[in-house]
Amino acid sequence: MTQSVLTEEILPLPRLLVEPVVRAALIEDLGRAGDITTDAIVPPGERMRGVIASRQDGVISGIDAAAIAFALIDPAVTVTVERGDGARVAPGDVVLRLDGPARAILTAERVALNLLCRMSGVATATNGLVEAARPHGKASIVCTRKTTPGLRALEKHAVRAGGGSNHRFGLDDAVLIKDNHVAVAGGIVPAIQRARARAGHLVKIECEVDSLEQLEEALSVGVDAVLLDNMGPDLLTRAVAMIDGRALSEASGRITRETVGAVAASGVDLISCGWITHSAAIIDLGLDAA
């Protein structure tokens, strides 16, 4: 039985979001003349079977993107999913089985693998933090907007496949007042007041603080969440006590698998990490003829 890192199933992304990303990648790869190597070597009617398998331990994500890559080149390619998003894999585990026109499978191979390896890397990095934090507190691991341009939807889905959660998806999701906003506004209080005056009644407001003094200012005028930036575990613990349930608490700033346990033990609600999307190593998967 396939083991999943997820406690509940996550819904796949709408094809409308995924297909344009895959299509753009295929157009980039096909260039001006298509796959001249495959077209020269493989007869038009040739068929093949293949498997995409993992070559290392990891957590899978990007299944739909990979399947769409083959379908866009030729809908006659049959893709059978053996291990879906959120599945743990070990070396040799088969993720996808392919059957269909050989030209289509070989032409779509690299784009399918690029997306599958990349998203599985994000899911695996996320899960490493989730597992390291779990014994120490209630904190959820969340991603940021530090994503690869054009791949945000897929990378944020991969975070969920790894057991994490999503922070805001874009600039229009919520108000997040950062240090430069505070500098321009002339302080935390006026920045929050201006944001509240403009934001809709359903829009949440979060404010970044890097000291207990700034935290007290933010709490004095009321916010939905506070981002506790680059605070050590002791300072985080004091900050959580000050907040005392009046707002969500989010820790951020150079948090690694080695340090996340101490951060979680402070009692924060959320731990945000940019590197799980911008710097996660890929998971090595490969396609072989079966």
Protein backbone atom coordinates (compact mmCIF):
# COMPACT_ATOMS: atom_id res chain seq x y z
CA MET A 1 0.00 0.00 0.00
CA THR A 2 1.34 3.44 -0.94
CA GLN A 3 2.19 5.58 2.07
CA SER A 4 1.09 9.21 1.97
CA VAL A 5 2.35 12.10 4.07
CA LEU A 6 -1.14 13.63 3.99
CA THR A 7 -3.77 13.20 6.68
CA GLU A 8 -6.47 14.20 4.20
CA GLU A 9 -6.65 14.25 0.42
CA ILE A 10 -5.82 17.51 -1.34
CA LEU A 11 -7.78 18.48 -4.41
CA PRO A 12 -5.83 18.70 -7.67
CA LEU A 13 -5.28 22.10 -9.22
CA PRO A 14 -7.78 23.04 -11.95
CA ARG A 15 -6.43 22.03 -15.36
CA LEU A 16 -7.05 25.64 -16.45
CA LEU A 17 -4.20 26.71 -14.15
CA VAL A 18 -1.79 23.90 -14.95
CA GLU A 19 -2.11 23.52 -18.71
CA PRO A 20 -0.78 26.99 -19.70
CA VAL A 21 2.36 26.38 -17.63
CA VAL A 22 2.96 23.00 -19.25
CA ARG A 23 2.14 24.31 -22.72
CA ALA A 24 4.66 27.16 -22.35
CA ALA A 25 7.34 24.69 -21.23
CA LEU A 26 6.68 22.44 -24.22
CA ILE A 27 6.79 25.36 -26.65
CA GLU A 28 10.12 26.42 -25.16
CA ASP A 29 11.51 22.90 -25.54
CA LEU A 30 10.15 22.21 -29.03
CA GLY A 31 11.68 25.40 -30.39
CA ARG A 32 11.22 26.15 -34.09
CA ALA A 33 11.29 22.64 -35.53
CA GLY A 34 10.13 20.19 -32.87
CA ASP A 35 11.98 17.11 -31.63
CA ILE A 36 14.28 16.54 -34.60
CA THR A 37 16.11 13.67 -32.86
CA THR A 38 13.02 11.60 -32.13
CA ASP A 39 11.42 12.42 -35.49
CA ALA A 40 14.54 11.19 -37.30
CA ILE A 41 14.96 7.96 -35.36
CA VAL A 42 11.48 6.78 -34.32
CA PRO A 43 8.97 5.71 -37.01
CA PRO A 44 5.57 7.48 -36.83
CA GLY A 45 3.62 4.35 -35.89
CA GLU A 46 6.04 3.04 -33.26
CA ARG A 47 4.61 2.43 -29.79
CA MET A 48 6.33 2.04 -26.46
CA ARG A 49 5.71 1.41 -22.81
CA GLY A 50 7.64 3.17 -20.12
CA VAL A 51 7.75 3.88 -16.41
CA ILE A 52 8.70 6.97 -14.48
CA ALA A 53 10.34 5.82 -11.26
CA SER A 54 12.05 7.48 -8.33
CA ARG A 55 15.79 7.19 -7.86
CA GLN A 56 15.80 8.46 -4.28
CA ASP A 57 13.61 8.88 -1.21
CA GLY A 58 11.10 11.70 -1.43
CA VAL A 59 7.53 12.92 -1.58
CA ILE A 60 5.74 13.19 -4.92
CA SER A 61 4.05 16.24 -6.42
CA GLY A 62 3.46 17.41 -9.98
CA ILE A 63 1.60 14.34 -11.23
CA ASP A 64 -1.05 16.33 -13.12
CA ALA A 65 1.53 18.55 -14.81
CA ALA A 66 3.48 15.52 -16.01
CA ALA A 67 0.35 13.82 -17.32
CA ILE A 68 -0.73 16.97 -19.15
CA ALA A 69 2.67 17.21 -20.85
CA PHE A 70 2.16 13.82 -22.51
CA ALA A 71 -1.49 14.57 -23.34
CA LEU A 72 -0.66 17.86 -25.05
CA ILE A 73 1.84 16.18 -27.35
CA ASP A 74 -0.53 13.29 -28.11
CA PRO A 75 -3.79 12.44 -26.29
CA ALA A 76 -3.25 8.81 -27.32
CA VAL A 77 -0.62 8.40 -24.59
CA THR A 78 -2.13 6.52 -21.65
CA VAL A 79 -0.83 7.63 -18.25
CA THR A 80 -1.47 5.39 -15.25
CA VAL A 81 -0.74 6.87 -11.83
CA GLU A 82 0.87 4.44 -9.40
CA ARG A 83 1.79 7.00 -6.74
CA GLY A 84 0.01 10.33 -6.57
CA ASP A 85 0.73 13.70 -5.01
CA GLY A 86 1.70 13.32 -1.35
CA ALA A 87 2.99 9.75 -1.73
CA ARG A 88 6.29 8.76 -0.15
CA VAL A 89 8.68 7.05 -2.54
CA ALA A 90 11.93 5.13 -2.27
CA PRO A 91 14.47 4.30 -4.98
CA GLY A 92 12.85 2.10 -7.63
CA ASP A 93 9.25 2.99 -6.80
CA VAL A 94 7.18 3.45 -9.95
CA VAL A 95 5.26 6.73 -10.05
CA LEU A 96 3.72 6.68 -13.55
CA ARG A 97 3.25 4.05 -16.26
CA LEU A 98 3.10 5.19 -19.88
CA ASP A 99 1.76 3.43 -22.95
CA GLY A 100 1.31 4.95 -26.38
CA PRO A 101 3.02 6.52 -29.39
CA ALA A 102 6.78 6.42 -28.82
CA ARG A 103 7.37 9.77 -30.47
CA ALA A 104 4.98 11.54 -28.10
CA ILE A 105 6.39 9.90 -24.97
CA LEU A 106 9.99 10.73 -25.88
CA THR A 107 9.17 14.30 -26.94
CA ALA A 108 7.26 15.14 -23.74
CA GLU A 109 9.68 13.27 -21.46
CA ARG A 110 11.93 16.14 -20.39
CA VAL A 111 9.20 18.68 -19.68
CA ALA A 112 7.19 16.09 -17.73
CA LEU A 113 10.25 15.12 -15.69
CA ASN A 114 11.36 18.72 -15.11
CA LEU A 115 8.02 19.61 -13.56
CA LEU A 116 7.64 16.35 -11.66
CA CYS A 117 11.18 16.46 -10.23
CA ARG A 118 10.88 20.14 -9.30
CA MET A 119 7.52 19.87 -7.56
CA SER A 120 8.52 16.65 -5.79
CA GLY A 121 11.57 18.50 -4.48
CA VAL A 122 9.36 21.22 -3.02
CA ALA A 123 7.04 18.62 -1.45
CA THR A 124 9.99 16.73 0.01
CA ALA A 125 11.62 19.84 1.48
CA THR A 126 8.31 20.90 3.00
CA ASN A 127 7.71 17.50 4.52
CA GLY A 128 11.16 17.53 6.09
CA LEU A 129 10.23 20.68 8.00
CA VAL A 130 6.76 19.36 8.87
CA GLU A 131 8.20 16.17 10.36
CA ALA A 132 10.94 18.04 12.25
CA ALA A 133 8.48 20.53 13.75
CA ARG A 134 5.64 18.13 14.61
CA PRO A 135 6.98 16.77 17.95
CA HIS A 136 7.62 20.26 19.30
CA GLY A 137 4.39 22.21 18.87
CA LYS A 138 1.26 23.03 16.91
CA ALA A 139 2.85 25.21 14.23
CA SER A 140 1.95 24.76 10.58
CA ILE A 141 4.69 25.09 7.97
CA VAL A 142 3.70 27.68 5.37
CA CYS A 143 5.31 28.89 2.15
CA THR A 144 5.80 32.44 0.90
CA ARG A 145 5.67 34.37 -2.38
CA LYS A 146 9.32 33.46 -3.02
CA THR A 147 8.40 31.18 -5.88
CA THR A 148 9.72 30.51 -9.38
CA PRO A 149 8.09 33.00 -11.79
CA GLY A 150 5.27 31.27 -13.62
CA LEU A 151 5.27 28.21 -11.35
CA ARG A 152 3.61 29.62 -8.22
CA ALA A 153 0.40 27.60 -8.47
CA LEU A 154 2.31 24.34 -8.93
CA GLU A 155 4.85 25.09 -6.20
CA LYS A 156 2.22 26.09 -3.67
CA HIS A 157 0.31 22.92 -4.49
CA ALA A 158 3.55 21.00 -3.91
CA VAL A 159 3.85 22.58 -0.45
CA ARG A 160 0.41 21.19 0.39
CA ALA A 161 1.41 17.80 -1.03
CA GLY A 162 4.31 17.81 1.44
CA GLY A 163 1.99 18.41 4.38
CA GLY A 164 2.45 22.18 4.59
CA SER A 165 0.01 25.04 4.11
CA ASN A 166 -0.10 28.08 1.89
CA HIS A 167 0.50 31.66 2.95
CA ARG A 168 -1.08 34.34 0.78
CA PHE A 169 -1.07 33.44 -2.90
CA GLY A 170 -0.40 36.95 -4.17
CA LEU A 171 -0.40 40.63 -3.31
CA ASP A 172 -4.19 40.83 -3.49
CA ASP A 173 -4.94 38.05 -0.97
CA ALA A 174 -4.26 39.91 2.25
CA VAL A 175 -2.45 42.92 3.68
CA LEU A 176 1.08 42.11 4.85
CA ILE A 177 2.83 45.19 6.21
CA LYS A 178 6.60 44.79 5.90
CA ASP A 179 9.46 46.89 7.28
CA ASN A 180 9.66 49.08 4.18
CA HIS A 181 5.94 49.83 4.36
CA VAL A 182 6.45 50.88 7.98
CA ALA A 183 9.39 53.09 7.01
CA VAL A 184 7.41 54.88 4.29
CA ALA A 185 4.32 55.26 6.50
CA GLY A 186 6.34 56.67 9.39
CA GLY A 187 5.61 53.90 11.87
CA ILE A 188 3.69 50.72 12.58
CA VAL A 189 0.55 52.41 13.91
CA PRO A 190 -0.04 54.71 10.90
CA ALA A 191 0.76 51.85 8.51
CA ILE A 192 -1.88 49.62 10.12
CA GLN A 193 -4.40 52.46 10.28
CA ARG A 194 -3.95 53.26 6.58
CA ALA A 195 -4.27 49.60 5.64
CA ARG A 196 -7.44 49.18 7.65
CA ALA A 197 -8.98 52.27 6.06
CA ARG A 198 -8.43 50.87 2.56
CA ALA A 199 -8.87 47.13 3.01
CA GLY A 200 -12.20 45.44 2.42
CA HIS A 201 -14.10 44.01 5.36
CA LEU A 202 -13.04 40.45 4.47
CA VAL A 203 -9.34 41.26 4.09
CA LYS A 204 -7.03 40.24 6.92
CA ILE A 205 -4.11 42.40 8.05
CA GLU A 206 -0.72 41.07 9.15
CA CYS A 207 2.20 43.19 10.31
CA GLU A 208 5.89 42.29 10.45
CA VAL A 209 7.73 43.15 13.67
CA ASP A 210 11.30 42.49 14.76
CA SER A 211 11.13 43.53 18.42
CA LEU A 212 8.79 43.28 21.38
CA GLU A 213 8.35 47.05 21.27
CA GLN A 214 7.09 46.89 17.69
CA LEU A 215 4.88 43.96 18.63
CA GLU A 216 3.22 45.99 21.38
CA GLU A 217 2.56 48.80 18.90
CA ALA A 218 0.91 46.43 16.45
CA LEU A 219 -1.22 44.81 19.13
CA SER A 220 -2.30 48.19 20.49
CA VAL A 221 -4.21 49.01 17.29
CA GLY A 222 -5.20 45.44 16.46
CA VAL A 223 -4.09 43.11 13.67
CA ASP A 224 -5.14 39.65 12.56
CA ALA A 225 -1.61 38.26 12.54
CA VAL A 226 1.94 39.29 13.39
CA LEU A 227 5.04 38.16 11.55
CA LEU A 228 7.82 37.74 14.11
CA ASP A 229 10.87 38.30 11.94
CA ASN A 230 14.29 36.84 12.73
CA MET A 231 13.58 36.28 16.42
CA GLY A 232 15.37 33.55 18.34
CA PRO A 233 13.43 30.89 20.28
CA ASP A 234 13.56 32.76 23.61
CA LEU A 235 12.30 36.01 22.10
CA LEU A 236 9.63 34.11 20.18
CA THR A 237 8.41 32.52 23.41
CA ARG A 238 8.09 35.95 25.02
CA ALA A 239 6.34 37.31 21.94
CA VAL A 240 3.79 34.48 21.93
CA ALA A 241 3.07 35.18 25.60
CA MET A 242 2.55 38.88 24.82
CA ILE A 243 0.19 38.10 21.96
CA ASP A 244 -1.84 35.84 24.25
CA GLY A 245 -4.26 34.76 21.54
CA ARG A 246 -5.04 38.28 20.30
CA ALA A 247 -3.58 37.50 16.85
CA LEU A 248 -2.04 34.65 14.91
CA SER A 249 1.71 34.40 15.43
CA GLU A 250 4.06 33.64 12.54
CA ALA A 251 7.79 33.02 12.87
CA SER A 252 10.04 33.69 9.89
CA GLY A 253 13.69 34.16 9.02
CA ARG A 254 16.37 31.61 8.06
CA ILE A 255 14.55 28.63 9.58
CA THR A 256 16.03 25.25 8.71
CA ARG A 257 15.25 21.62 9.45
CA GLU A 258 17.80 21.81 12.27
CA THR A 259 16.27 24.89 13.92
CA VAL A 260 12.56 24.46 13.21
CA GLY A 261 11.94 22.32 16.31
CA ALA A 262 13.06 25.07 18.69
CA VAL A 263 10.98 27.60 16.77
CA ALA A 264 7.89 25.38 16.97
CA ALA A 265 8.46 24.87 20.70
CA SER A 266 7.98 28.61 21.24
CA GLY A 267 4.26 28.12 20.63
CA VAL A 268 3.89 30.07 17.37
CA ASP A 269 0.96 29.23 15.12
CA LEU A 270 2.81 29.41 11.80
CA ILE A 271 6.37 28.98 10.57
CA SER A 272 7.02 30.48 7.13
CA CYS A 273 9.97 29.45 4.98
CA GLY A 274 10.87 30.86 1.58
CA TRP A 275 13.56 28.32 0.74
CA ILE A 276 11.14 25.40 0.41
CA THR A 277 9.99 26.93 -2.88
CA HIS A 278 12.96 28.98 -4.08
CA SER A 279 15.84 26.67 -3.17
CA ALA A 280 14.53 23.13 -2.70
CA ALA A 281 16.65 20.47 -4.41
CA ILE A 282 14.86 18.40 -7.03
CA ILE A 283 13.98 14.76 -6.47
CA ASP A 284 15.62 12.53 -9.08
CA LEU A 285 13.06 10.65 -11.15
CA GLY A 286 13.66 9.05 -14.52
CA LEU A 287 11.78 7.52 -17.45
CA ASP A 288 12.83 4.12 -18.75
CA ALA A 289 11.34 1.93 -21.47
CA ALA A 290 9.50 -1.01 -19.95
